[in-house]
Amino acid sequence: MKKSMILLAIVLLAVGAAYGQAPVNMDKGDFSLAAGVNFGWDYGVGGSVEYMFARVDIADELPITFGLAARVGVGFFTDTNYTVAGLTSAHMSLGFIQGLPLWLTKFDLYYGLGLGFGAGTDFGVGIASGGGIAYYLEHNIAIYTSGIYVRYFDNSGGGSGFGSIGLIFKL
């Protein structure tokens, strides 16, 4: 199993070195800021920053970009609650599919995994995960909806998180 994982990593790196020409919405070197309105566990505001550090083109057809992101949400409705997470993220645009209408190629799907904490009525530290979808109106502006959840390490079964909708700005 270990040898298979090493072989898979080598193949992915070799394919990534080819750096195909499939279009992507978030590419290596991109930096973005996002701001939005939160809903779900609590209503409030949130935002994120993200830097894309790598791109791998699987079989020269499927581009996936990887980044580092920090997400924060503040809820105000029932009590003041905070959720903060640091994530590694993976983005996939639909532009690699030949023959798609142009409007469909503007979608960007993403998922992240990392560590986070929540504070407010409870405090905890744990595994953070989240994902979402963005639609690029222009090359550097997108609308998005996403969700993030931090599952605390303690045995209480607690966690914190938020869903959000807002705008992404690529700088």
N, C-alpha and C. Protein backbone atom coordinates (compact mmCIF):
# COMPACT_ATOMS: atom_id res chain seq x y z
N MET A 1 0.82 -1.19 0.00
CA MET A 1 0.00 0.00 0.00
C MET A 1 0.87 1.25 0.00
N LYS A 2 1.92 1.23 0.83
CA LYS A 2 2.80 2.38 0.91
C LYS A 2 3.49 2.63 -0.43
N LYS A 3 3.93 1.56 -1.10
CA LYS A 3 4.57 1.71 -2.41
C LYS A 3 3.59 2.26 -3.43
N SER A 4 2.33 1.84 -3.36
CA SER A 4 1.31 2.34 -4.29
C SER A 4 1.10 3.84 -4.10
N MET A 5 1.07 4.29 -2.85
CA MET A 5 0.88 5.71 -2.58
C MET A 5 2.06 6.53 -3.08
N ILE A 6 3.27 6.02 -2.91
CA ILE A 6 4.46 6.73 -3.40
C ILE A 6 4.44 6.79 -4.93
N LEU A 7 4.08 5.68 -5.57
CA LEU A 7 3.98 5.66 -7.03
C LEU A 7 2.92 6.65 -7.52
N LEU A 8 1.76 6.70 -6.86
CA LEU A 8 0.71 7.64 -7.24
C LEU A 8 1.19 9.09 -7.10
N ALA A 9 1.90 9.40 -6.03
CA ALA A 9 2.44 10.75 -5.82
C ALA A 9 3.42 11.12 -6.91
N ILE A 10 4.29 10.18 -7.30
CA ILE A 10 5.27 10.45 -8.37
C ILE A 10 4.56 10.69 -9.69
N VAL A 11 3.55 9.89 -10.01
CA VAL A 11 2.80 10.06 -11.25
C VAL A 11 2.10 11.42 -11.26
N LEU A 12 1.46 11.80 -10.15
CA LEU A 12 0.77 13.10 -10.08
C LEU A 12 1.75 14.26 -10.24
N LEU A 13 2.91 14.14 -9.65
CA LEU A 13 3.91 15.21 -9.80
C LEU A 13 4.42 15.29 -11.23
N ALA A 14 4.63 14.14 -11.87
CA ALA A 14 5.10 14.14 -13.26
C ALA A 14 4.04 14.73 -14.19
N VAL A 15 2.79 14.38 -13.97
CA VAL A 15 1.71 14.92 -14.79
C VAL A 15 1.59 16.42 -14.54
N GLY A 16 1.73 16.84 -13.29
CA GLY A 16 1.66 18.26 -12.96
C GLY A 16 2.76 19.06 -13.62
N ALA A 17 3.91 18.44 -13.82
CA ALA A 17 5.02 19.14 -14.46
C ALA A 17 4.70 19.45 -15.92
N ALA A 18 3.83 18.66 -16.53
CA ALA A 18 3.45 18.92 -17.91
C ALA A 18 2.65 20.21 -18.05
N TYR A 19 1.92 20.57 -17.01
CA TYR A 19 1.15 21.82 -16.93
C TYR A 19 0.35 22.06 -18.19
N GLY A 20 -0.75 21.32 -18.33
CA GLY A 20 -1.60 21.44 -19.51
C GLY A 20 -2.26 22.80 -19.62
N GLN A 21 -2.98 22.99 -20.69
CA GLN A 21 -3.58 24.28 -21.00
C GLN A 21 -5.07 24.35 -20.69
N ALA A 22 -5.63 23.41 -19.97
CA ALA A 22 -7.05 23.47 -19.65
C ALA A 22 -7.34 24.69 -18.79
N PRO A 23 -8.42 25.42 -19.10
CA PRO A 23 -8.71 26.64 -18.35
C PRO A 23 -9.18 26.35 -16.92
N VAL A 24 -8.78 27.20 -15.99
CA VAL A 24 -9.20 27.10 -14.60
C VAL A 24 -9.58 28.50 -14.11
N ASN A 25 -10.41 28.54 -13.08
CA ASN A 25 -10.80 29.82 -12.50
C ASN A 25 -9.85 30.26 -11.40
N MET A 26 -9.31 29.32 -10.65
CA MET A 26 -8.30 29.61 -9.63
C MET A 26 -7.05 28.86 -10.03
N ASP A 27 -5.98 29.59 -10.36
CA ASP A 27 -4.77 28.98 -10.86
C ASP A 27 -3.61 29.23 -9.90
N LYS A 28 -2.53 28.51 -10.10
CA LYS A 28 -1.33 28.65 -9.28
C LYS A 28 -0.90 30.13 -9.26
N GLY A 29 -0.65 30.66 -8.04
CA GLY A 29 -0.24 32.04 -7.86
C GLY A 29 -1.38 33.00 -7.59
N ASP A 30 -2.64 32.56 -7.75
CA ASP A 30 -3.78 33.44 -7.47
C ASP A 30 -3.94 33.66 -5.97
N PHE A 31 -4.35 34.88 -5.62
CA PHE A 31 -4.64 35.25 -4.23
C PHE A 31 -6.04 35.85 -4.23
N SER A 32 -6.89 35.42 -3.30
CA SER A 32 -8.26 35.91 -3.29
C SER A 32 -8.71 36.29 -1.88
N LEU A 33 -9.65 37.22 -1.85
CA LEU A 33 -10.35 37.63 -0.63
C LEU A 33 -11.83 37.38 -0.85
N ALA A 34 -12.52 36.95 0.19
CA ALA A 34 -13.96 36.73 0.08
C ALA A 34 -14.65 37.33 1.29
N ALA A 35 -15.87 37.82 1.09
CA ALA A 35 -16.69 38.36 2.17
C ALA A 35 -18.13 37.97 1.90
N GLY A 36 -18.84 37.66 2.98
CA GLY A 36 -20.22 37.25 2.78
C GLY A 36 -21.06 37.30 4.03
N VAL A 37 -22.29 36.88 3.86
CA VAL A 37 -23.27 36.80 4.94
C VAL A 37 -23.37 35.34 5.34
N ASN A 38 -23.33 35.07 6.64
CA ASN A 38 -23.38 33.70 7.14
C ASN A 38 -24.79 33.32 7.56
N PHE A 39 -25.10 32.05 7.43
CA PHE A 39 -26.39 31.50 7.83
C PHE A 39 -26.15 30.09 8.32
N GLY A 40 -27.15 29.47 8.87
CA GLY A 40 -27.00 28.09 9.33
C GLY A 40 -27.03 28.01 10.84
N TRP A 41 -25.88 27.72 11.46
CA TRP A 41 -25.83 27.62 12.91
C TRP A 41 -26.20 28.95 13.56
N ASP A 42 -25.79 30.02 12.94
CA ASP A 42 -26.05 31.36 13.44
C ASP A 42 -25.95 32.33 12.26
N TYR A 43 -26.55 33.47 12.39
CA TYR A 43 -26.50 34.46 11.32
C TYR A 43 -25.47 35.52 11.64
N GLY A 44 -24.68 35.91 10.64
CA GLY A 44 -23.64 36.89 10.88
C GLY A 44 -22.88 37.21 9.60
N VAL A 45 -21.59 37.45 9.75
CA VAL A 45 -20.73 37.79 8.61
C VAL A 45 -19.49 36.89 8.64
N GLY A 46 -18.84 36.81 7.50
CA GLY A 46 -17.64 36.00 7.43
C GLY A 46 -16.79 36.39 6.25
N GLY A 47 -15.63 35.79 6.19
CA GLY A 47 -14.72 36.07 5.10
C GLY A 47 -13.61 35.04 5.04
N SER A 48 -12.78 35.19 4.02
CA SER A 48 -11.64 34.28 3.87
C SER A 48 -10.56 34.92 3.02
N VAL A 49 -9.37 34.37 3.14
CA VAL A 49 -8.25 34.68 2.26
C VAL A 49 -7.72 33.33 1.77
N GLU A 50 -7.21 33.32 0.53
CA GLU A 50 -6.71 32.06 -0.01
C GLU A 50 -5.60 32.34 -1.01
N TYR A 51 -4.57 31.50 -0.98
CA TYR A 51 -3.46 31.58 -1.91
C TYR A 51 -3.30 30.22 -2.58
N MET A 52 -3.27 30.20 -3.90
CA MET A 52 -3.13 28.96 -4.65
C MET A 52 -1.64 28.71 -4.91
N PHE A 53 -1.12 27.59 -4.42
CA PHE A 53 0.32 27.34 -4.50
C PHE A 53 0.72 26.25 -5.49
N ALA A 54 -0.23 25.48 -6.00
CA ALA A 54 0.15 24.39 -6.91
C ALA A 54 -0.99 24.06 -7.85
N ARG A 55 -0.61 23.51 -9.00
CA ARG A 55 -1.59 23.01 -9.97
C ARG A 55 -1.09 21.67 -10.48
N VAL A 56 -2.01 20.71 -10.54
CA VAL A 56 -1.71 19.39 -11.08
C VAL A 56 -2.74 19.11 -12.17
N ASP A 57 -2.28 18.77 -13.35
CA ASP A 57 -3.17 18.40 -14.44
C ASP A 57 -3.12 16.88 -14.57
N ILE A 58 -4.17 16.22 -14.18
CA ILE A 58 -4.23 14.76 -14.24
C ILE A 58 -4.52 14.36 -15.69
N ALA A 59 -3.61 13.58 -16.25
CA ALA A 59 -3.69 13.10 -17.64
C ALA A 59 -3.83 14.27 -18.62
N ASP A 60 -3.24 15.38 -18.32
CA ASP A 60 -3.28 16.59 -19.16
C ASP A 60 -4.70 17.07 -19.44
N GLU A 61 -5.68 16.60 -18.72
CA GLU A 61 -7.07 16.94 -18.99
C GLU A 61 -7.78 17.55 -17.79
N LEU A 62 -7.53 17.04 -16.59
CA LEU A 62 -8.27 17.46 -15.41
C LEU A 62 -7.38 18.30 -14.50
N PRO A 63 -7.51 19.63 -14.56
CA PRO A 63 -6.68 20.48 -13.71
C PRO A 63 -7.27 20.63 -12.31
N ILE A 64 -6.42 20.43 -11.31
CA ILE A 64 -6.80 20.65 -9.92
C ILE A 64 -5.77 21.59 -9.32
N THR A 65 -6.24 22.66 -8.70
CA THR A 65 -5.32 23.60 -8.06
C THR A 65 -5.46 23.46 -6.55
N PHE A 66 -4.32 23.63 -5.87
CA PHE A 66 -4.27 23.47 -4.42
C PHE A 66 -3.87 24.79 -3.77
N GLY A 67 -4.48 25.07 -2.62
CA GLY A 67 -4.20 26.33 -1.95
C GLY A 67 -4.23 26.21 -0.45
N LEU A 68 -3.91 27.33 0.18
CA LEU A 68 -4.01 27.48 1.63
C LEU A 68 -5.02 28.58 1.89
N ALA A 69 -5.94 28.33 2.81
CA ALA A 69 -7.01 29.30 3.08
C ALA A 69 -7.20 29.48 4.58
N ALA A 70 -7.63 30.67 4.94
CA ALA A 70 -8.06 30.97 6.31
C ALA A 70 -9.49 31.48 6.20
N ARG A 71 -10.40 30.88 6.97
CA ARG A 71 -11.81 31.29 6.95
C ARG A 71 -12.24 31.67 8.35
N VAL A 72 -13.06 32.71 8.44
CA VAL A 72 -13.56 33.17 9.73
C VAL A 72 -15.03 33.54 9.59
N GLY A 73 -15.79 33.23 10.62
CA GLY A 73 -17.19 33.60 10.66
C GLY A 73 -17.56 34.07 12.05
N VAL A 74 -18.38 35.10 12.11
CA VAL A 74 -18.87 35.64 13.39
C VAL A 74 -20.38 35.63 13.33
N GLY A 75 -21.00 34.96 14.31
CA GLY A 75 -22.46 34.91 14.39
C GLY A 75 -22.97 35.84 15.48
N PHE A 76 -24.08 36.51 15.19
CA PHE A 76 -24.63 37.50 16.13
C PHE A 76 -26.05 37.22 16.57
N PHE A 77 -26.75 36.30 15.96
CA PHE A 77 -28.19 36.18 16.15
C PHE A 77 -28.58 35.71 17.56
N THR A 78 -28.09 34.56 17.99
CA THR A 78 -28.45 34.04 19.31
C THR A 78 -27.45 34.48 20.37
N ASP A 79 -26.21 34.57 20.02
CA ASP A 79 -25.12 34.96 20.91
C ASP A 79 -23.94 35.25 19.99
N THR A 80 -22.89 35.86 20.50
CA THR A 80 -21.73 36.08 19.66
C THR A 80 -20.89 34.81 19.63
N ASN A 81 -20.75 34.25 18.44
CA ASN A 81 -19.99 33.01 18.24
C ASN A 81 -18.96 33.24 17.14
N TYR A 82 -17.80 32.61 17.30
CA TYR A 82 -16.72 32.74 16.34
C TYR A 82 -16.30 31.37 15.85
N THR A 83 -16.02 31.27 14.57
CA THR A 83 -15.44 30.06 13.99
C THR A 83 -14.26 30.51 13.13
N VAL A 84 -13.09 29.92 13.36
CA VAL A 84 -11.89 30.25 12.59
C VAL A 84 -11.26 28.93 12.15
N ALA A 85 -10.84 28.88 10.87
CA ALA A 85 -10.24 27.64 10.36
C ALA A 85 -9.12 27.95 9.39
N GLY A 86 -8.07 27.15 9.46
CA GLY A 86 -6.99 27.15 8.47
C GLY A 86 -7.11 25.87 7.67
N LEU A 87 -7.16 25.99 6.36
CA LEU A 87 -7.44 24.84 5.50
C LEU A 87 -6.46 24.72 4.35
N THR A 88 -6.21 23.50 3.93
CA THR A 88 -5.63 23.28 2.61
C THR A 88 -6.84 23.05 1.70
N SER A 89 -6.78 23.55 0.48
CA SER A 89 -7.96 23.47 -0.38
C SER A 89 -7.59 22.90 -1.74
N ALA A 90 -8.59 22.35 -2.39
CA ALA A 90 -8.46 21.85 -3.77
C ALA A 90 -9.61 22.41 -4.58
N HIS A 91 -9.28 22.99 -5.76
CA HIS A 91 -10.28 23.59 -6.65
C HIS A 91 -10.29 22.84 -7.97
N MET A 92 -11.49 22.71 -8.52
CA MET A 92 -11.64 22.11 -9.84
C MET A 92 -12.66 22.92 -10.62
N SER A 93 -12.26 23.44 -11.75
CA SER A 93 -13.16 24.16 -12.65
C SER A 93 -13.69 23.19 -13.70
N LEU A 94 -14.80 23.55 -14.29
CA LEU A 94 -15.40 22.67 -15.31
C LEU A 94 -14.90 22.95 -16.72
N GLY A 95 -13.99 23.92 -16.87
CA GLY A 95 -13.51 24.32 -18.18
C GLY A 95 -12.77 23.23 -18.95
N PHE A 96 -12.35 22.17 -18.29
CA PHE A 96 -11.62 21.10 -18.97
C PHE A 96 -12.53 20.21 -19.81
N ILE A 97 -13.83 20.31 -19.60
CA ILE A 97 -14.77 19.46 -20.35
C ILE A 97 -15.04 20.11 -21.70
N GLN A 98 -14.64 19.43 -22.76
CA GLN A 98 -14.80 19.94 -24.12
C GLN A 98 -16.28 20.06 -24.49
N GLY A 99 -16.63 21.16 -25.14
CA GLY A 99 -17.98 21.32 -25.65
C GLY A 99 -19.00 21.87 -24.68
N LEU A 100 -18.58 22.18 -23.46
CA LEU A 100 -19.52 22.77 -22.50
C LEU A 100 -19.86 24.20 -22.91
N PRO A 101 -21.08 24.63 -22.66
CA PRO A 101 -21.39 26.05 -22.88
C PRO A 101 -20.48 26.91 -22.00
N LEU A 102 -20.16 28.12 -22.48
CA LEU A 102 -19.25 29.01 -21.78
C LEU A 102 -19.69 29.27 -20.34
N TRP A 103 -20.99 29.44 -20.11
CA TRP A 103 -21.46 29.77 -18.76
C TRP A 103 -21.18 28.64 -17.77
N LEU A 104 -21.14 27.40 -18.21
CA LEU A 104 -20.83 26.29 -17.31
C LEU A 104 -19.35 26.23 -16.94
N THR A 105 -18.48 26.73 -17.81
CA THR A 105 -17.04 26.71 -17.52
C THR A 105 -16.66 27.71 -16.43
N LYS A 106 -17.57 28.58 -16.07
CA LYS A 106 -17.29 29.60 -15.05
C LYS A 106 -17.51 29.09 -13.63
N PHE A 107 -17.94 27.84 -13.47
CA PHE A 107 -18.12 27.26 -12.14
C PHE A 107 -16.79 26.75 -11.60
N ASP A 108 -16.57 26.93 -10.30
CA ASP A 108 -15.38 26.44 -9.61
C ASP A 108 -15.86 25.70 -8.38
N LEU A 109 -15.52 24.42 -8.29
CA LEU A 109 -15.89 23.59 -7.14
C LEU A 109 -14.68 23.47 -6.23
N TYR A 110 -14.87 23.56 -4.92
CA TYR A 110 -13.72 23.48 -4.04
C TYR A 110 -14.07 22.79 -2.73
N TYR A 111 -13.03 22.22 -2.12
CA TYR A 111 -13.14 21.54 -0.83
C TYR A 111 -11.88 21.81 -0.04
N GLY A 112 -12.02 21.93 1.28
CA GLY A 112 -10.86 22.17 2.14
C GLY A 112 -10.91 21.32 3.39
N LEU A 113 -9.73 21.06 3.94
CA LEU A 113 -9.59 20.27 5.16
C LEU A 113 -8.45 20.85 5.97
N GLY A 114 -8.62 20.98 7.28
CA GLY A 114 -7.57 21.55 8.12
C GLY A 114 -7.94 21.53 9.58
N LEU A 115 -7.48 22.55 10.31
CA LEU A 115 -7.75 22.69 11.74
C LEU A 115 -8.50 23.99 11.98
N GLY A 116 -9.32 23.98 13.03
CA GLY A 116 -10.06 25.19 13.35
C GLY A 116 -10.46 25.22 14.80
N PHE A 117 -11.05 26.34 15.20
CA PHE A 117 -11.59 26.44 16.54
C PHE A 117 -12.85 27.28 16.52
N GLY A 118 -13.64 27.09 17.55
CA GLY A 118 -14.85 27.86 17.72
C GLY A 118 -14.89 28.41 19.13
N ALA A 119 -15.49 29.58 19.28
CA ALA A 119 -15.62 30.21 20.59
C ALA A 119 -16.97 30.91 20.65
N GLY A 120 -17.48 31.03 21.83
CA GLY A 120 -18.78 31.66 22.04
C GLY A 120 -19.44 30.96 23.20
N THR A 121 -20.58 30.29 22.95
CA THR A 121 -21.23 29.52 24.01
C THR A 121 -20.37 28.33 24.41
N ASP A 122 -19.63 27.76 23.48
CA ASP A 122 -18.67 26.68 23.75
C ASP A 122 -17.33 27.09 23.16
N PHE A 123 -16.26 26.46 23.64
CA PHE A 123 -14.95 26.66 23.02
C PHE A 123 -14.40 25.29 22.68
N GLY A 124 -13.83 25.16 21.49
CA GLY A 124 -13.25 23.90 21.11
C GLY A 124 -12.29 24.05 19.95
N VAL A 125 -11.42 23.05 19.83
CA VAL A 125 -10.46 22.98 18.74
C VAL A 125 -10.65 21.63 18.06
N GLY A 126 -10.56 21.61 16.75
CA GLY A 126 -10.76 20.33 16.08
C GLY A 126 -10.49 20.37 14.59
N ILE A 127 -10.96 19.32 13.93
CA ILE A 127 -10.79 19.16 12.49
C ILE A 127 -11.82 20.04 11.77
N ALA A 128 -11.33 20.83 10.83
CA ALA A 128 -12.21 21.70 10.04
C ALA A 128 -12.34 21.14 8.63
N SER A 129 -13.54 21.16 8.11
CA SER A 129 -13.75 20.76 6.72
C SER A 129 -14.84 21.65 6.13
N GLY A 130 -14.73 21.85 4.86
CA GLY A 130 -15.74 22.68 4.21
C GLY A 130 -15.55 22.67 2.71
N GLY A 131 -16.57 23.11 2.04
CA GLY A 131 -16.51 23.17 0.59
C GLY A 131 -17.57 24.10 0.07
N GLY A 132 -17.52 24.30 -1.24
CA GLY A 132 -18.50 25.19 -1.83
C GLY A 132 -18.38 25.24 -3.33
N ILE A 133 -19.10 26.20 -3.88
CA ILE A 133 -19.10 26.42 -5.31
C ILE A 133 -19.10 27.91 -5.58
N ALA A 134 -18.32 28.30 -6.57
CA ALA A 134 -18.25 29.71 -6.97
C ALA A 134 -18.59 29.81 -8.45
N TYR A 135 -19.18 30.94 -8.82
CA TYR A 135 -19.48 31.22 -10.22
C TYR A 135 -18.82 32.54 -10.58
N TYR A 136 -17.90 32.51 -11.54
CA TYR A 136 -17.12 33.69 -11.91
C TYR A 136 -17.89 34.57 -12.89
N LEU A 137 -18.25 35.77 -12.42
CA LEU A 137 -18.93 36.75 -13.25
C LEU A 137 -17.94 37.42 -14.19
N GLU A 138 -16.75 37.66 -13.69
CA GLU A 138 -15.62 38.21 -14.43
C GLU A 138 -14.41 37.36 -14.06
N HIS A 139 -13.26 37.63 -14.67
CA HIS A 139 -12.05 36.87 -14.36
C HIS A 139 -11.67 36.97 -12.88
N ASN A 140 -11.96 38.11 -12.24
CA ASN A 140 -11.51 38.31 -10.86
C ASN A 140 -12.65 38.52 -9.86
N ILE A 141 -13.91 38.30 -10.25
CA ILE A 141 -15.04 38.46 -9.32
C ILE A 141 -15.97 37.25 -9.47
N ALA A 142 -16.33 36.67 -8.32
CA ALA A 142 -17.24 35.53 -8.34
C ALA A 142 -18.24 35.65 -7.20
N ILE A 143 -19.40 35.03 -7.38
CA ILE A 143 -20.32 34.85 -6.28
C ILE A 143 -20.11 33.42 -5.78
N TYR A 144 -20.29 33.20 -4.49
CA TYR A 144 -20.05 31.85 -3.95
C TYR A 144 -21.06 31.51 -2.87
N THR A 145 -21.19 30.25 -2.64
CA THR A 145 -21.88 29.73 -1.47
C THR A 145 -21.03 28.56 -0.95
N SER A 146 -20.91 28.50 0.36
CA SER A 146 -20.06 27.46 0.94
C SER A 146 -20.50 27.15 2.36
N GLY A 147 -19.94 26.09 2.89
CA GLY A 147 -20.18 25.71 4.28
C GLY A 147 -18.89 25.23 4.90
N ILE A 148 -18.76 25.46 6.20
CA ILE A 148 -17.57 24.99 6.92
C ILE A 148 -18.02 24.49 8.28
N TYR A 149 -17.37 23.45 8.77
CA TYR A 149 -17.70 22.89 10.08
C TYR A 149 -16.41 22.50 10.79
N VAL A 150 -16.33 22.81 12.07
CA VAL A 150 -15.21 22.40 12.91
C VAL A 150 -15.75 21.42 13.94
N ARG A 151 -15.30 20.19 13.89
CA ARG A 151 -15.70 19.15 14.85
C ARG A 151 -14.65 19.11 15.93
N TYR A 152 -15.05 19.43 17.16
CA TYR A 152 -14.10 19.54 18.27
C TYR A 152 -13.52 18.19 18.66
N PHE A 153 -12.26 18.23 19.12
CA PHE A 153 -11.56 17.01 19.53
C PHE A 153 -12.11 16.42 20.83
N ASP A 154 -12.67 17.24 21.72
CA ASP A 154 -13.16 16.72 23.00
C ASP A 154 -14.32 15.76 22.79
N ASN A 155 -14.73 15.08 23.83
CA ASN A 155 -15.76 14.06 23.72
C ASN A 155 -17.18 14.58 23.83
N SER A 156 -17.36 15.88 23.85
CA SER A 156 -18.70 16.44 24.03
C SER A 156 -19.56 16.32 22.78
N GLY A 157 -18.95 16.03 21.65
CA GLY A 157 -19.71 15.96 20.41
C GLY A 157 -20.02 17.33 19.84
N GLY A 158 -19.33 18.35 20.34
CA GLY A 158 -19.61 19.71 19.90
C GLY A 158 -18.86 20.10 18.65
N GLY A 159 -19.27 21.23 18.13
CA GLY A 159 -18.62 21.78 16.96
C GLY A 159 -19.20 23.13 16.65
N SER A 160 -18.63 23.78 15.67
CA SER A 160 -19.14 25.07 15.22
C SER A 160 -18.94 25.18 13.72
N GLY A 161 -19.65 26.08 13.12
CA GLY A 161 -19.51 26.25 11.69
C GLY A 161 -20.49 27.27 11.16
N PHE A 162 -20.49 27.40 9.85
CA PHE A 162 -21.41 28.33 9.20
C PHE A 162 -21.50 28.02 7.72
N GLY A 163 -22.60 28.42 7.15
CA GLY A 163 -22.76 28.46 5.72
C GLY A 163 -22.68 29.92 5.33
N SER A 164 -22.27 30.21 4.12
CA SER A 164 -22.18 31.61 3.72
C SER A 164 -22.46 31.78 2.24
N ILE A 165 -22.82 32.99 1.89
CA ILE A 165 -23.00 33.39 0.50
C ILE A 165 -22.40 34.78 0.38
N GLY A 166 -21.65 35.01 -0.69
CA GLY A 166 -20.99 36.31 -0.82
C GLY A 166 -20.23 36.44 -2.12
N LEU A 167 -19.18 37.27 -2.08
CA LEU A 167 -18.37 37.58 -3.25
C LEU A 167 -16.91 37.21 -3.01
N ILE A 168 -16.25 36.75 -4.06
CA ILE A 168 -14.82 36.48 -4.05
C ILE A 168 -14.16 37.50 -4.99
N PHE A 169 -13.06 38.06 -4.52
CA PHE A 169 -12.27 39.00 -5.31
C PHE A 169 -10.87 38.46 -5.46
N LYS A 170 -10.44 38.18 -6.70
CA LYS A 170 -9.05 37.77 -6.95
C LYS A 170 -8.22 39.04 -7.12
N LEU A 171 -7.10 39.08 -6.41
CA LEU A 171 -6.22 40.25 -6.49
C LEU A 171 -5.07 39.99 -7.44
